[in-house]
Amino acid sequence: MIEYFREPDDHLGFVLLNLSMGQVLCLVMIISGVLILLINRKIINRKKAVI
């Protein structure tokens, strides 16, 4: 959340769609975390159905 208020790095500036590099990396981490949770939930539900 703090990345929203930070100034972008001088040598990078805004990287993608008016987002700084820190914001882009945070979005990637959030999306990958949600995907991991969804995949994990699917695997757990599949194991419960077998038992």
C-alpha atoms as a PDB file:
ATOM      1  CA  MET A   1       0.000   0.000   0.000  1.00  0.00           C
ATOM      2  CA  ILE A   2       2.909   2.332   0.684  1.00  0.00           C
ATOM      3  CA  GLU A   3       4.024   2.009  -2.947  1.00  0.00           C
ATOM      4  CA  TYR A   4       1.053   4.153  -3.940  1.00  0.00           C
ATOM      5  CA  PHE A   5       2.441   7.139  -2.025  1.00  0.00           C
ATOM      6  CA  ARG A   6       6.131   6.710  -2.888  1.00  0.00           C
ATOM      7  CA  GLU A   7       7.842   8.700  -5.604  1.00  0.00           C
ATOM      8  CA  PRO A   8       9.067   6.535  -8.484  1.00  0.00           C
ATOM      9  CA  ASP A   9      12.813   5.969  -8.724  1.00  0.00           C
ATOM     10  CA  ASP A  10      14.609   8.669 -10.702  1.00  0.00           C
ATOM     11  CA  HIS A  11      16.349   6.243 -13.043  1.00  0.00           C
ATOM     12  CA  LEU A  12      13.204   4.176 -13.732  1.00  0.00           C
ATOM     13  CA  GLY A  13      10.293   6.583 -13.551  1.00  0.00           C
ATOM     14  CA  PHE A  14       6.917   5.128 -14.395  1.00  0.00           C
ATOM     15  CA  VAL A  15       7.235   1.731 -16.028  1.00  0.00           C
ATOM     16  CA  LEU A  16       3.789   0.513 -17.067  1.00  0.00           C
ATOM     17  CA  LEU A  17       0.450   2.342 -17.271  1.00  0.00           C
ATOM     18  CA  ASN A  18       1.582   5.121 -14.929  1.00  0.00           C
ATOM     19  CA  LEU A  19       2.753   2.577 -12.311  1.00  0.00           C
ATOM     20  CA  SER A  20       6.191   2.505 -10.707  1.00  0.00           C
ATOM     21  CA  MET A  21       8.368  -0.611 -10.701  1.00  0.00           C
ATOM     22  CA  GLY A  22       7.487  -1.289  -7.048  1.00  0.00           C
ATOM     23  CA  GLN A  23       3.768  -1.170  -7.846  1.00  0.00           C
ATOM     24  CA  VAL A  24       4.183  -3.528 -10.807  1.00  0.00           C
ATOM     25  CA  LEU A  25       6.138  -5.993  -8.676  1.00  0.00           C
ATOM     26  CA  CYS A  26       3.551  -5.794  -5.885  1.00  0.00           C
ATOM     27  CA  LEU A  27       0.757  -6.533  -8.354  1.00  0.00           C
ATOM     28  CA  VAL A  28       2.661  -9.551  -9.667  1.00  0.00           C
ATOM     29  CA  MET A  29       3.136 -10.857  -6.113  1.00  0.00           C
ATOM     30  CA  ILE A  30      -0.534 -10.326  -5.218  1.00  0.00           C
ATOM     31  CA  ILE A  31      -1.745 -12.095  -8.365  1.00  0.00           C
ATOM     32  CA  SER A  32       0.650 -15.014  -7.867  1.00  0.00           C
ATOM     33  CA  GLY A  33      -0.409 -15.335  -4.219  1.00  0.00           C
ATOM     34  CA  VAL A  34      -4.086 -15.488  -5.166  1.00  0.00           C
ATOM     35  CA  LEU A  35      -3.323 -18.103  -7.829  1.00  0.00           C
ATOM     36  CA  ILE A  36      -1.397 -20.208  -5.324  1.00  0.00           C
ATOM     37  CA  LEU A  37      -4.308 -20.031  -2.877  1.00  0.00           C
ATOM     38  CA  LEU A  38      -6.823 -21.035  -5.558  1.00  0.00           C
ATOM     39  CA  ILE A  39      -4.686 -23.938  -6.776  1.00  0.00           C
ATOM     40  CA  ASN A  40      -4.110 -25.088  -3.209  1.00  0.00           C
ATOM     41  CA  ARG A  41      -7.845 -24.967  -2.477  1.00  0.00           C
ATOM     42  CA  LYS A  42      -8.569 -27.059  -5.579  1.00  0.00           C
ATOM     43  CA  ILE A  43      -6.005 -29.681  -4.551  1.00  0.00           C
ATOM     44  CA  ILE A  44      -7.364 -29.884  -0.989  1.00  0.00           C
ATOM     45  CA  ASN A  45     -10.963 -30.229  -2.213  1.00  0.00           C
ATOM     46  CA  ARG A  46      -9.907 -32.960  -4.637  1.00  0.00           C
ATOM     47  CA  LYS A  47      -8.221 -34.920  -1.822  1.00  0.00           C
ATOM     48  CA  LYS A  48     -11.325 -34.619   0.388  1.00  0.00           C
ATOM     49  CA  ALA A  49     -13.502 -36.030  -2.390  1.00  0.00           C
ATOM     50  CA  VAL A  50     -11.258 -39.097  -2.697  1.00  0.00           C
ATOM     51  CA  ILE A  51     -11.338 -39.887   1.033  1.00  0.00           C
END
